[in-house]
Amino acid sequence: RRVHHQAVPGVGLDAADEGVDRGAHHVPRLRDVVLLVEDRRAGGHGGGQPDETGEQGECGDDEGAHGVRAGPPPGPGGHRTDAAGVAGCFDDGTHPTESRIRPPATGSSMAVMVTPAPLLPTRGVVLAATPLGNIGDASPRLRAALAEAAVIAAEDTRRVRNLAAALGVEITGRVVSNFDHNEEGRAQQLIDAARSGVVLVVTDAGMPLVSDPGFSLVDAAHTAGIPVTCLPGPSAVPTALALSGLPVGRFLFDGFAPRKSGARREWLESLRTEERAVCFFESPHRLAETLEVAAEVLGPTRRAAVCRELTKTYEEVRRGTL
């Protein structure tokens, strides 16, 4: 509320005489407006807290939560603006679904107006991470997307229906398959659907595109100018890196190890001088052979970790040298 001509990114302030509200201009693409408001009753006195220049704050006693000024009456369309006259607004010009005043912490004279973003866009391609094995890792945004998406493009349609059932979510959109062998041919159909509604992309577990289907659609969407966004969540790669106990400040993710022995050896040879941590996927049936060749090529003293059943009941991490 009290601004001493500080530079505020994305907001231009009008100079004004004392006692006159300072105006602010909405800047296109301004996101997540946060308003700091003084609580005149903080500290047990009726006046505003003195600022650094010794002047009294200008915050009034409008009926806001916890004695905090909630701003002037709602503007056009019923949307309340903040004390500077700037309405919480997203970059597409739409107003947020809800705003709230967060009470000040004990002993603090400041409260924060939080403007949450909507759970889902109105159209475009939405990539969503699904649980690796623990259903509790499903996010509220994933639940909303499963319930509201016009089309769900799933690596396995049966699995996504089972996931929705486990979450207590009713799928209202159309469910179509989108896996390695059909995703290129499916892309244009999904692009057409994403022009007017949400196309949700999910895989069996983890994040789409990370050694999973989804690339063809995302590439086509960017080319066609279709919005693409992501609902963050579970992913085996960062989970394994965090659990490994190895120095992973810099790392390389290399997908699945080659299946054929000759290609696998050649791939490991290429990692001989790699200074970054290397993360890759391997089948349990080939793991012992891969580790044996890795010890031969990279040296038996090379440190490694094997992670399995991540987030599940029998999660296990084995660490040591090759």
C-alpha atoms as a PDB file:
ATOM      1  CA  ARG A   1       0.000   0.000   0.000  1.00  0.00           C
ATOM      2  CA  ARG A   2       2.799   2.340   0.904  1.00  0.00           C
ATOM      3  CA  VAL A   3       5.162   2.733  -2.048  1.00  0.00           C
ATOM      4  CA  HIS A   4       8.251   4.940  -1.956  1.00  0.00           C
ATOM      5  CA  HIS A   5       8.888   4.954  -5.686  1.00  0.00           C
ATOM      6  CA  GLN A   6      10.588   1.564  -5.694  1.00  0.00           C
ATOM      7  CA  ALA A   7      10.986  -0.118  -9.044  1.00  0.00           C
ATOM      8  CA  VAL A   8       8.288  -2.801  -9.244  1.00  0.00           C
ATOM      9  CA  PRO A   9       8.674  -5.218 -12.178  1.00  0.00           C
ATOM     10  CA  GLY A  10       5.700  -5.049 -14.501  1.00  0.00           C
ATOM     11  CA  VAL A  11       3.977  -2.075 -12.805  1.00  0.00           C
ATOM     12  CA  GLY A  12       4.230   1.632 -13.556  1.00  0.00           C
ATOM     13  CA  LEU A  13       3.369   4.027 -10.713  1.00  0.00           C
ATOM     14  CA  ASP A  14       1.994   7.545 -10.994  1.00  0.00           C
ATOM     15  CA  ALA A  15       3.469  10.192  -8.732  1.00  0.00           C
ATOM     16  CA  ALA A  16       0.799  11.702  -6.490  1.00  0.00           C
ATOM     17  CA  ASP A  17       0.542  14.220  -3.717  1.00  0.00           C
ATOM     18  CA  GLU A  18       0.310  13.070  -0.110  1.00  0.00           C
ATOM     19  CA  GLY A  19      -3.132  11.743   0.698  1.00  0.00           C
ATOM     20  CA  VAL A  20      -3.936  10.775  -2.864  1.00  0.00           C
ATOM     21  CA  ASP A  21      -3.859   7.123  -3.886  1.00  0.00           C
ATOM     22  CA  ARG A  22      -0.988   6.350  -6.164  1.00  0.00           C
ATOM     23  CA  GLY A  23      -2.208   4.924  -9.454  1.00  0.00           C
ATOM     24  CA  ALA A  24      -0.749   1.938 -11.238  1.00  0.00           C
ATOM     25  CA  HIS A  25      -1.021   0.861 -14.829  1.00  0.00           C
ATOM     26  CA  HIS A  26      -1.759  -2.727 -15.812  1.00  0.00           C
ATOM     27  CA  VAL A  27       1.040  -4.082 -17.974  1.00  0.00           C
ATOM     28  CA  PRO A  28       0.183  -6.803 -20.537  1.00  0.00           C
ATOM     29  CA  ARG A  29       1.271 -10.314 -19.514  1.00  0.00           C
ATOM     30  CA  LEU A  30       1.596  -9.328 -15.857  1.00  0.00           C
ATOM     31  CA  ARG A  31       1.216 -12.460 -13.714  1.00  0.00           C
ATOM     32  CA  ASP A  32       0.553 -13.323 -10.094  1.00  0.00           C
ATOM     33  CA  VAL A  33      -0.146  -9.913  -8.613  1.00  0.00           C
ATOM     34  CA  VAL A  34       0.669  -9.942  -4.892  1.00  0.00           C
ATOM     35  CA  LEU A  35      -0.502  -7.058  -2.727  1.00  0.00           C
ATOM     36  CA  LEU A  36       1.174  -6.206   0.573  1.00  0.00           C
ATOM     37  CA  VAL A  37      -1.221  -4.348   2.865  1.00  0.00           C
ATOM     38  CA  GLU A  38      -0.498  -2.777   6.240  1.00  0.00           C
ATOM     39  CA  ASP A  39      -2.572  -3.868   9.248  1.00  0.00           C
ATOM     40  CA  ARG A  40      -3.288  -0.694  11.182  1.00  0.00           C
ATOM     41  CA  ARG A  41      -4.182  -2.668  14.286  1.00  0.00           C
ATOM     42  CA  ALA A  42      -0.971  -4.690  14.347  1.00  0.00           C
ATOM     43  CA  GLY A  43       1.041  -4.139  17.497  1.00  0.00           C
ATOM     44  CA  GLY A  44      -2.015  -3.103  19.517  1.00  0.00           C
ATOM     45  CA  HIS A  45      -2.305   0.515  18.358  1.00  0.00           C
ATOM     46  CA  GLY A  46      -4.801   2.241  16.157  1.00  0.00           C
ATOM     47  CA  GLY A  47      -2.423   4.027  13.797  1.00  0.00           C
ATOM     48  CA  GLY A  48      -0.483   2.625  10.913  1.00  0.00           C
ATOM     49  CA  GLN A  49       3.047   1.391  11.482  1.00  0.00           C
ATOM     50  CA  PRO A  50       5.625   4.137  10.890  1.00  0.00           C
ATOM     51  CA  ASP A  51       7.608   3.536   7.745  1.00  0.00           C
ATOM     52  CA  GLU A  52      11.302   4.103   7.246  1.00  0.00           C
ATOM     53  CA  THR A  53      10.808   7.838   6.781  1.00  0.00           C
ATOM     54  CA  GLY A  54       8.774   8.160   9.985  1.00  0.00           C
ATOM     55  CA  GLU A  55       5.491   8.807   8.130  1.00  0.00           C
ATOM     56  CA  GLN A  56       2.296   7.013   9.039  1.00  0.00           C
ATOM     57  CA  GLY A  57       0.936   4.315   6.698  1.00  0.00           C
ATOM     58  CA  GLU A  58      -2.058   5.200   4.555  1.00  0.00           C
ATOM     59  CA  CYS A  59      -3.965   1.954   4.986  1.00  0.00           C
ATOM     60  CA  GLY A  60      -7.615   2.464   5.866  1.00  0.00           C
ATOM     61  CA  ASP A  61      -9.981   0.393   7.987  1.00  0.00           C
ATOM     62  CA  ASP A  62     -12.084  -1.149   5.220  1.00  0.00           C
ATOM     63  CA  GLU A  63     -13.726  -4.380   6.243  1.00  0.00           C
ATOM     64  CA  GLY A  64     -11.062  -6.855   5.166  1.00  0.00           C
ATOM     65  CA  ALA A  65      -9.951 -10.058   6.860  1.00  0.00           C
ATOM     66  CA  HIS A  66      -8.101  -9.508  10.160  1.00  0.00           C
ATOM     67  CA  GLY A  67      -8.376  -5.736   9.874  1.00  0.00           C
ATOM     68  CA  VAL A  68      -6.534  -5.706   6.563  1.00  0.00           C
ATOM     69  CA  ARG A  69      -7.627  -3.353   3.840  1.00  0.00           C
ATOM     70  CA  ALA A  70      -9.035  -5.557   1.121  1.00  0.00           C
ATOM     71  CA  GLY A  71      -8.978  -2.866  -1.525  1.00  0.00           C
ATOM     72  CA  PRO A  72     -11.684  -0.711  -3.119  1.00  0.00           C
ATOM     73  CA  PRO A  73     -15.062  -2.084  -4.160  1.00  0.00           C
ATOM     74  CA  PRO A  74     -15.129  -4.559  -7.035  1.00  0.00           C
ATOM     75  CA  GLY A  75     -14.485  -3.107 -10.444  1.00  0.00           C
ATOM     76  CA  PRO A  76     -16.309  -3.890 -13.668  1.00  0.00           C
ATOM     77  CA  GLY A  77     -17.359  -7.503 -13.886  1.00  0.00           C
ATOM     78  CA  GLY A  78     -17.355  -7.924 -10.116  1.00  0.00           C
ATOM     79  CA  HIS A  79     -13.578  -8.389  -9.828  1.00  0.00           C
ATOM     80  CA  ARG A  80     -11.996  -6.665  -6.848  1.00  0.00           C
ATOM     81  CA  THR A  81      -8.951  -4.582  -7.597  1.00  0.00           C
ATOM     82  CA  ASP A  82      -6.062  -4.044  -5.214  1.00  0.00           C
ATOM     83  CA  ALA A  83      -5.204  -0.827  -3.423  1.00  0.00           C
ATOM     84  CA  ALA A  84      -3.181   0.416  -6.380  1.00  0.00           C
ATOM     85  CA  GLY A  85      -6.037  -0.181  -8.786  1.00  0.00           C
ATOM     86  CA  VAL A  86      -4.476  -3.244 -10.430  1.00  0.00           C
ATOM     87  CA  ALA A  87      -6.720  -6.287 -10.781  1.00  0.00           C
ATOM     88  CA  GLY A  88      -5.173  -9.743 -10.401  1.00  0.00           C
ATOM     89  CA  CYS A  89      -4.968 -10.866 -14.019  1.00  0.00           C
ATOM     90  CA  PHE A  90      -3.433 -13.598 -16.136  1.00  0.00           C
ATOM     91  CA  ASP A  91      -1.568 -12.976 -19.359  1.00  0.00           C
ATOM     92  CA  ASP A  92      -4.559 -13.895 -21.531  1.00  0.00           C
ATOM     93  CA  GLY A  93      -6.646 -11.172 -19.902  1.00  0.00           C
ATOM     94  CA  THR A  94      -8.841 -13.527 -17.876  1.00  0.00           C
ATOM     95  CA  HIS A  95      -9.390 -12.967 -14.196  1.00  0.00           C
ATOM     96  CA  PRO A  96      -8.384 -15.530 -11.569  1.00  0.00           C
ATOM     97  CA  THR A  97     -11.054 -17.785 -10.168  1.00  0.00           C
ATOM     98  CA  GLU A  98     -10.429 -16.790  -6.571  1.00  0.00           C
ATOM     99  CA  SER A  99      -8.444 -14.301  -4.491  1.00  0.00           C
ATOM    100  CA  ARG A 100      -7.888 -14.385  -0.794  1.00  0.00           C
ATOM    101  CA  ILE A 101      -6.116 -12.410   1.916  1.00  0.00           C
ATOM    102  CA  ARG A 102      -3.568 -14.454   3.838  1.00  0.00           C
ATOM    103  CA  PRO A 103      -3.511 -13.315   7.507  1.00  0.00           C
ATOM    104  CA  PRO A 104      -0.272 -11.711   8.682  1.00  0.00           C
ATOM    105  CA  ALA A 105       2.142 -13.775  10.767  1.00  0.00           C
ATOM    106  CA  THR A 106       2.297 -13.125  14.488  1.00  0.00           C
ATOM    107  CA  GLY A 107       4.016  -9.819  15.182  1.00  0.00           C
ATOM    108  CA  SER A 108       3.891  -8.800  11.516  1.00  0.00           C
ATOM    109  CA  SER A 109       2.035  -5.793  10.168  1.00  0.00           C
ATOM    110  CA  MET A 110       1.825  -7.147   6.626  1.00  0.00           C
ATOM    111  CA  ALA A 111      -0.691  -9.429   4.933  1.00  0.00           C
ATOM    112  CA  VAL A 112      -0.447 -10.917   1.463  1.00  0.00           C
ATOM    113  CA  MET A 113      -3.161 -11.150  -1.174  1.00  0.00           C
ATOM    114  CA  VAL A 114      -2.706 -14.438  -3.033  1.00  0.00           C
ATOM    115  CA  THR A 115      -4.086 -14.806  -6.541  1.00  0.00           C
ATOM    116  CA  PRO A 116      -4.108 -18.518  -7.445  1.00  0.00           C
ATOM    117  CA  ALA A 117      -3.852 -19.667 -11.030  1.00  0.00           C
ATOM    118  CA  PRO A 118      -6.617 -21.818 -12.545  1.00  0.00           C
ATOM    119  CA  LEU A 119      -6.109 -25.581 -12.372  1.00  0.00           C
ATOM    120  CA  LEU A 120      -6.379 -26.017 -16.143  1.00  0.00           C
ATOM    121  CA  PRO A 121      -6.219 -23.911 -19.302  1.00  0.00           C
ATOM    122  CA  THR A 122      -9.291 -23.720 -21.527  1.00  0.00           C
ATOM    123  CA  ARG A 123      -7.614 -25.349 -24.516  1.00  0.00           C
ATOM    124  CA  GLY A 124      -4.340 -26.796 -25.748  1.00  0.00           C
ATOM    125  CA  VAL A 125      -2.151 -29.788 -24.981  1.00  0.00           C
ATOM    126  CA  VAL A 126      -1.604 -30.602 -21.302  1.00  0.00           C
ATOM    127  CA  LEU A 127       1.141 -33.042 -20.284  1.00  0.00           C
ATOM    128  CA  ALA A 128       0.527 -34.625 -16.897  1.00  0.00           C
ATOM    129  CA  ALA A 129       2.780 -36.732 -14.693  1.00  0.00           C
ATOM    130  CA  THR A 130       1.096 -39.786 -13.184  1.00  0.00           C
ATOM    131  CA  PRO A 131       2.094 -41.697 -10.023  1.00  0.00           C
ATOM    132  CA  LEU A 132       5.015 -44.121 -10.274  1.00  0.00           C
ATOM    133  CA  GLY A 133       3.280 -46.518  -7.921  1.00  0.00           C
ATOM    134  CA  ASN A 134       1.910 -44.580  -4.967  1.00  0.00           C
ATOM    135  CA  ILE A 135      -1.568 -43.236  -5.689  1.00  0.00           C
ATOM    136  CA  GLY A 136      -1.050 -40.552  -3.040  1.00  0.00           C
ATOM    137  CA  ASP A 137       1.363 -38.778  -5.383  1.00  0.00           C
ATOM    138  CA  ALA A 138      -1.457 -37.779  -7.769  1.00  0.00           C
ATOM    139  CA  SER A 139      -1.808 -33.990  -7.736  1.00  0.00           C
ATOM    140  CA  PRO A 140      -5.086 -32.031  -7.500  1.00  0.00           C
ATOM    141  CA  ARG A 141      -4.387 -30.706 -10.999  1.00  0.00           C
ATOM    142  CA  LEU A 142      -4.076 -34.254 -12.372  1.00  0.00           C
ATOM    143  CA  ARG A 143      -7.417 -35.127 -10.798  1.00  0.00           C
ATOM    144  CA  ALA A 144      -9.028 -32.050 -12.337  1.00  0.00           C
ATOM    145  CA  ALA A 145      -7.506 -32.792 -15.738  1.00  0.00           C
ATOM    146  CA  LEU A 146      -8.745 -36.386 -15.754  1.00  0.00           C
ATOM    147  CA  ALA A 147     -12.251 -35.177 -14.917  1.00  0.00           C
ATOM    148  CA  GLU A 148     -12.430 -32.182 -17.255  1.00  0.00           C
ATOM    149  CA  ALA A 149     -10.259 -32.829 -20.321  1.00  0.00           C
ATOM    150  CA  ALA A 150     -12.122 -33.080 -23.620  1.00  0.00           C
ATOM    151  CA  VAL A 151      -9.730 -35.800 -24.807  1.00  0.00           C
ATOM    152  CA  ILE A 152      -7.317 -37.997 -22.859  1.00  0.00           C
ATOM    153  CA  ALA A 153      -4.459 -39.411 -24.946  1.00  0.00           C
ATOM    154  CA  ALA A 154      -3.145 -42.337 -22.910  1.00  0.00           C
ATOM    155  CA  GLU A 155      -0.294 -44.774 -23.418  1.00  0.00           C
ATOM    156  CA  ASP A 156      -2.663 -47.492 -22.142  1.00  0.00           C
ATOM    157  CA  THR A 157      -6.368 -46.655 -22.035  1.00  0.00           C
ATOM    158  CA  ARG A 158      -7.084 -49.359 -19.475  1.00  0.00           C
ATOM    159  CA  ARG A 159      -4.468 -48.030 -17.073  1.00  0.00           C
ATOM    160  CA  VAL A 160      -5.728 -44.467 -17.198  1.00  0.00           C
ATOM    161  CA  ARG A 161      -9.270 -45.651 -16.507  1.00  0.00           C
ATOM    162  CA  ASN A 162      -7.990 -47.685 -13.555  1.00  0.00           C
ATOM    163  CA  LEU A 163      -6.079 -44.651 -12.297  1.00  0.00           C
ATOM    164  CA  ALA A 164      -9.165 -42.442 -12.502  1.00  0.00           C
ATOM    165  CA  ALA A 165     -11.220 -45.076 -10.667  1.00  0.00           C
ATOM    166  CA  ALA A 166      -8.597 -45.331  -7.901  1.00  0.00           C
ATOM    167  CA  LEU A 167      -8.694 -41.542  -7.520  1.00  0.00           C
ATOM    168  CA  GLY A 168     -12.483 -41.478  -7.431  1.00  0.00           C
ATOM    169  CA  VAL A 169     -12.568 -39.380 -10.614  1.00  0.00           C
ATOM    170  CA  GLU A 170     -15.176 -39.761 -13.341  1.00  0.00           C
ATOM    171  CA  ILE A 171     -13.742 -39.294 -16.833  1.00  0.00           C
ATOM    172  CA  THR A 172     -16.122 -37.188 -18.930  1.00  0.00           C
ATOM    173  CA  GLY A 173     -13.998 -36.792 -22.068  1.00  0.00           C
ATOM    174  CA  ARG A 174     -13.016 -39.178 -24.833  1.00  0.00           C
ATOM    175  CA  VAL A 175     -10.130 -41.576 -24.116  1.00  0.00           C
ATOM    176  CA  VAL A 176      -7.861 -42.543 -27.024  1.00  0.00           C
ATOM    177  CA  SER A 177      -4.634 -44.521 -27.207  1.00  0.00           C
ATOM    178  CA  ASN A 178      -1.341 -42.714 -27.815  1.00  0.00           C
ATOM    179  CA  PHE A 179       1.673 -45.022 -27.708  1.00  0.00           C
ATOM    180  CA  ASP A 180       4.973 -45.552 -29.521  1.00  0.00           C
ATOM    181  CA  HIS A 181       3.529 -47.213 -32.611  1.00  0.00           C
ATOM    182  CA  ASN A 182       0.610 -44.873 -33.328  1.00  0.00           C
ATOM    183  CA  GLU A 183       1.504 -41.463 -31.904  1.00  0.00           C
ATOM    184  CA  GLU A 184       2.755 -39.986 -35.180  1.00  0.00           C
ATOM    185  CA  GLY A 185      -0.462 -40.896 -36.979  1.00  0.00           C
ATOM    186  CA  ARG A 186      -2.563 -39.712 -34.040  1.00  0.00           C
ATOM    187  CA  ALA A 187      -0.920 -36.279 -33.703  1.00  0.00           C
ATOM    188  CA  GLN A 188      -3.045 -34.341 -36.224  1.00  0.00           C
ATOM    189  CA  GLN A 189      -6.300 -35.652 -34.753  1.00  0.00           C
ATOM    190  CA  LEU A 190      -5.209 -34.523 -31.307  1.00  0.00           C
ATOM    191  CA  ILE A 191      -4.027 -31.146 -32.609  1.00  0.00           C
ATOM    192  CA  ASP A 192      -7.466 -30.522 -34.092  1.00  0.00           C
ATOM    193  CA  ALA A 193      -9.086 -31.363 -30.749  1.00  0.00           C
ATOM    194  CA  ALA A 194      -6.648 -29.091 -28.858  1.00  0.00           C
ATOM    195  CA  ARG A 195      -7.716 -26.040 -30.887  1.00  0.00           C
ATOM    196  CA  SER A 196     -10.968 -25.817 -28.951  1.00  0.00           C
ATOM    197  CA  GLY A 197     -10.470 -27.936 -25.823  1.00  0.00           C
ATOM    198  CA  VAL A 198      -7.963 -29.597 -23.523  1.00  0.00           C
ATOM    199  CA  VAL A 199      -6.096 -32.668 -24.735  1.00  0.00           C
ATOM    200  CA  LEU A 200      -4.546 -34.403 -21.737  1.00  0.00           C
ATOM    201  CA  VAL A 201      -1.483 -36.579 -22.391  1.00  0.00           C
ATOM    202  CA  VAL A 202      -0.612 -39.260 -19.836  1.00  0.00           C
ATOM    203  CA  THR A 203       1.577 -42.352 -19.797  1.00  0.00           C
ATOM    204  CA  ASP A 204       1.587 -45.460 -17.637  1.00  0.00           C
ATOM    205  CA  ALA A 205       3.759 -43.809 -14.972  1.00  0.00           C
ATOM    206  CA  GLY A 206       5.796 -40.636 -14.620  1.00  0.00           C
ATOM    207  CA  MET A 207       6.190 -37.762 -17.058  1.00  0.00           C
ATOM    208  CA  PRO A 208       5.270 -38.039 -20.750  1.00  0.00           C
ATOM    209  CA  LEU A 209       8.142 -37.667 -23.258  1.00  0.00           C
ATOM    210  CA  VAL A 210      10.764 -38.829 -20.720  1.00  0.00           C
ATOM    211  CA  SER A 211      11.423 -42.171 -22.436  1.00  0.00           C
ATOM    212  CA  ASP A 212       7.657 -42.281 -22.997  1.00  0.00           C
ATOM    213  CA  PRO A 213       5.213 -41.258 -25.780  1.00  0.00           C
ATOM    214  CA  GLY A 214       4.251 -37.638 -26.352  1.00  0.00           C
ATOM    215  CA  PHE A 215       7.025 -36.077 -28.446  1.00  0.00           C
ATOM    216  CA  SER A 216       5.205 -36.227 -31.795  1.00  0.00           C
ATOM    217  CA  LEU A 217       2.181 -34.401 -30.395  1.00  0.00           C
ATOM    218  CA  VAL A 218       4.158 -31.717 -28.544  1.00  0.00           C
ATOM    219  CA  ASP A 219       6.338 -31.058 -31.589  1.00  0.00           C
ATOM    220  CA  ALA A 220       3.257 -30.756 -33.821  1.00  0.00           C
ATOM    221  CA  ALA A 221       1.481 -28.521 -31.297  1.00  0.00           C
ATOM    222  CA  HIS A 222       4.362 -26.053 -31.127  1.00  0.00           C
ATOM    223  CA  THR A 223       4.559 -25.991 -34.927  1.00  0.00           C
ATOM    224  CA  ALA A 224       0.811 -25.323 -35.189  1.00  0.00           C
ATOM    225  CA  GLY A 225       0.849 -22.628 -32.510  1.00  0.00           C
ATOM    226  CA  ILE A 226      -1.250 -24.679 -30.087  1.00  0.00           C
ATOM    227  CA  PRO A 227      -0.635 -23.901 -26.375  1.00  0.00           C
ATOM    228  CA  VAL A 228       1.317 -26.590 -24.526  1.00  0.00           C
ATOM    229  CA  THR A 229       1.634 -26.761 -20.753  1.00  0.00           C
ATOM    230  CA  CYS A 230       2.629 -29.296 -18.135  1.00  0.00           C
ATOM    231  CA  LEU A 231       1.229 -30.487 -14.819  1.00  0.00           C
ATOM    232  CA  PRO A 232       4.387 -31.335 -12.815  1.00  0.00           C
ATOM    233  CA  GLY A 233       4.531 -34.440 -10.709  1.00  0.00           C
ATOM    234  CA  PRO A 234       6.216 -37.820 -10.226  1.00  0.00           C
ATOM    235  CA  SER A 235       9.155 -38.778 -12.436  1.00  0.00           C
ATOM    236  CA  ALA A 236      11.494 -41.728 -11.969  1.00  0.00           C
ATOM    237  CA  VAL A 237      14.606 -39.852 -13.133  1.00  0.00           C
ATOM    238  CA  PRO A 238      14.871 -37.100 -10.459  1.00  0.00           C
ATOM    239  CA  THR A 239      13.526 -39.510  -7.846  1.00  0.00           C
ATOM    240  CA  ALA A 240      16.297 -42.032  -8.522  1.00  0.00           C
ATOM    241  CA  LEU A 241      18.939 -39.298  -8.701  1.00  0.00           C
ATOM    242  CA  ALA A 242      17.871 -37.904  -5.330  1.00  0.00           C
ATOM    243  CA  LEU A 243      17.892 -41.351  -3.710  1.00  0.00           C
ATOM    244  CA  SER A 244      21.193 -42.477  -5.222  1.00  0.00           C
ATOM    245  CA  GLY A 245      23.441 -40.701  -2.739  1.00  0.00           C
ATOM    246  CA  LEU A 246      25.770 -39.823  -5.606  1.00  0.00           C
ATOM    247  CA  PRO A 247      26.904 -36.305  -6.599  1.00  0.00           C
ATOM    248  CA  VAL A 248      24.163 -35.464  -9.110  1.00  0.00           C
ATOM    249  CA  GLY A 249      24.441 -31.672  -9.349  1.00  0.00           C
ATOM    250  CA  ARG A 250      25.226 -32.284 -13.017  1.00  0.00           C
ATOM    251  CA  PHE A 251      23.766 -35.337 -14.690  1.00  0.00           C
ATOM    252  CA  LEU A 252      23.013 -36.958 -18.026  1.00  0.00           C
ATOM    253  CA  PHE A 253      19.823 -38.947 -18.617  1.00  0.00           C
ATOM    254  CA  ASP A 254      20.331 -41.478 -21.395  1.00  0.00           C
ATOM    255  CA  GLY A 255      16.981 -43.256 -21.648  1.00  0.00           C
ATOM    256  CA  PHE A 256      17.030 -47.062 -21.861  1.00  0.00           C
ATOM    257  CA  ALA A 257      20.342 -48.882 -22.161  1.00  0.00           C
ATOM    258  CA  PRO A 258      20.724 -50.574 -25.582  1.00  0.00           C
ATOM    259  CA  ARG A 259      19.337 -54.108 -25.638  1.00  0.00           C
ATOM    260  CA  LYS A 260      21.919 -55.738 -27.896  1.00  0.00           C
ATOM    261  CA  SER A 261      25.247 -56.585 -26.303  1.00  0.00           C
ATOM    262  CA  GLY A 262      27.389 -54.927 -28.983  1.00  0.00           C
ATOM    263  CA  ALA A 263      25.438 -51.664 -28.886  1.00  0.00           C
ATOM    264  CA  ARG A 264      25.413 -51.747 -25.085  1.00  0.00           C
ATOM    265  CA  ARG A 265      29.205 -52.079 -24.897  1.00  0.00           C
ATOM    266  CA  GLU A 266      29.664 -49.269 -27.425  1.00  0.00           C
ATOM    267  CA  TRP A 267      27.335 -47.056 -25.403  1.00  0.00           C
ATOM    268  CA  LEU A 268      29.244 -47.726 -22.180  1.00  0.00           C
ATOM    269  CA  GLU A 269      32.535 -46.973 -23.955  1.00  0.00           C
ATOM    270  CA  SER A 270      31.128 -43.540 -24.824  1.00  0.00           C
ATOM    271  CA  LEU A 271      30.640 -42.883 -21.092  1.00  0.00           C
ATOM    272  CA  ARG A 272      34.211 -43.742 -20.103  1.00  0.00           C
ATOM    273  CA  THR A 273      35.280 -40.078 -19.806  1.00  0.00           C
ATOM    274  CA  GLU A 274      31.869 -38.672 -18.817  1.00  0.00           C
ATOM    275  CA  GLU A 275      32.268 -36.473 -15.723  1.00  0.00           C
ATOM    276  CA  ARG A 276      28.560 -36.046 -15.028  1.00  0.00           C
ATOM    277  CA  ALA A 277      26.413 -38.591 -13.226  1.00  0.00           C
ATOM    278  CA  VAL A 278      24.647 -40.838 -15.746  1.00  0.00           C
ATOM    279  CA  CYS A 279      21.087 -42.000 -15.193  1.00  0.00           C
ATOM    280  CA  PHE A 280      19.423 -44.629 -17.395  1.00  0.00           C
ATOM    281  CA  PHE A 281      16.656 -47.210 -17.391  1.00  0.00           C
ATOM    282  CA  GLU A 282      17.263 -50.950 -17.588  1.00  0.00           C
ATOM    283  CA  SER A 283      15.074 -54.040 -17.552  1.00  0.00           C
ATOM    284  CA  PRO A 284      15.422 -56.245 -14.435  1.00  0.00           C
ATOM    285  CA  HIS A 285      16.118 -59.188 -16.740  1.00  0.00           C
ATOM    286  CA  ARG A 286      19.179 -57.487 -18.282  1.00  0.00           C
ATOM    287  CA  LEU A 287      20.419 -55.603 -15.218  1.00  0.00           C
ATOM    288  CA  ALA A 288      23.040 -58.114 -14.041  1.00  0.00           C
ATOM    289  CA  GLU A 289      24.584 -58.376 -17.501  1.00  0.00           C
ATOM    290  CA  THR A 290      24.633 -54.599 -17.944  1.00  0.00           C
ATOM    291  CA  LEU A 291      26.354 -54.071 -14.582  1.00  0.00           C
ATOM    292  CA  GLU A 292      28.923 -56.742 -15.397  1.00  0.00           C
ATOM    293  CA  VAL A 293      29.848 -55.098 -18.694  1.00  0.00           C
ATOM    294  CA  ALA A 294      29.815 -51.651 -17.032  1.00  0.00           C
ATOM    295  CA  ALA A 295      32.374 -52.817 -14.467  1.00  0.00           C
ATOM    296  CA  GLU A 296      34.550 -54.150 -17.278  1.00  0.00           C
ATOM    297  CA  VAL A 297      34.332 -51.007 -19.407  1.00  0.00           C
ATOM    298  CA  LEU A 298      34.143 -48.260 -16.775  1.00  0.00           C
ATOM    299  CA  GLY A 299      36.221 -49.901 -14.067  1.00  0.00           C
ATOM    300  CA  PRO A 300      35.222 -51.855 -10.946  1.00  0.00           C
ATOM    301  CA  THR A 301      35.732 -48.866  -8.639  1.00  0.00           C
ATOM    302  CA  ARG A 302      33.185 -46.663 -10.423  1.00  0.00           C
ATOM    303  CA  ARG A 303      30.440 -45.784  -7.930  1.00  0.00           C
ATOM    304  CA  ALA A 304      26.856 -46.654  -8.851  1.00  0.00           C
ATOM    305  CA  ALA A 305      23.347 -47.030  -7.461  1.00  0.00           C
ATOM    306  CA  VAL A 306      20.454 -49.215  -8.550  1.00  0.00           C
ATOM    307  CA  CYS A 307      16.930 -48.042  -7.649  1.00  0.00           C
ATOM    308  CA  ARG A 308      13.808 -50.138  -8.045  1.00  0.00           C
ATOM    309  CA  GLU A 309      10.128 -50.091  -7.056  1.00  0.00           C
ATOM    310  CA  LEU A 310      10.318 -46.331  -6.515  1.00  0.00           C
ATOM    311  CA  THR A 311       7.578 -44.928  -4.231  1.00  0.00           C
ATOM    312  CA  LYS A 312       6.150 -48.443  -3.741  1.00  0.00           C
ATOM    313  CA  THR A 313       6.039 -50.687  -0.674  1.00  0.00           C
ATOM    314  CA  TYR A 314       9.243 -52.535  -1.566  1.00  0.00           C
ATOM    315  CA  GLU A 315      11.272 -49.552  -2.740  1.00  0.00           C
ATOM    316  CA  GLU A 316      14.952 -50.433  -2.693  1.00  0.00           C
ATOM    317  CA  VAL A 317      18.240 -48.647  -3.397  1.00  0.00           C
ATOM    318  CA  ARG A 318      21.532 -50.550  -3.652  1.00  0.00           C
ATOM    319  CA  ARG A 319      24.710 -48.432  -3.591  1.00  0.00           C
ATOM    320  CA  GLY A 320      28.355 -49.323  -3.987  1.00  0.00           C
ATOM    321  CA  THR A 321      31.039 -49.782  -6.625  1.00  0.00           C
ATOM    322  CA  LEU A 322      30.442 -51.584  -9.880  1.00  0.00           C
END
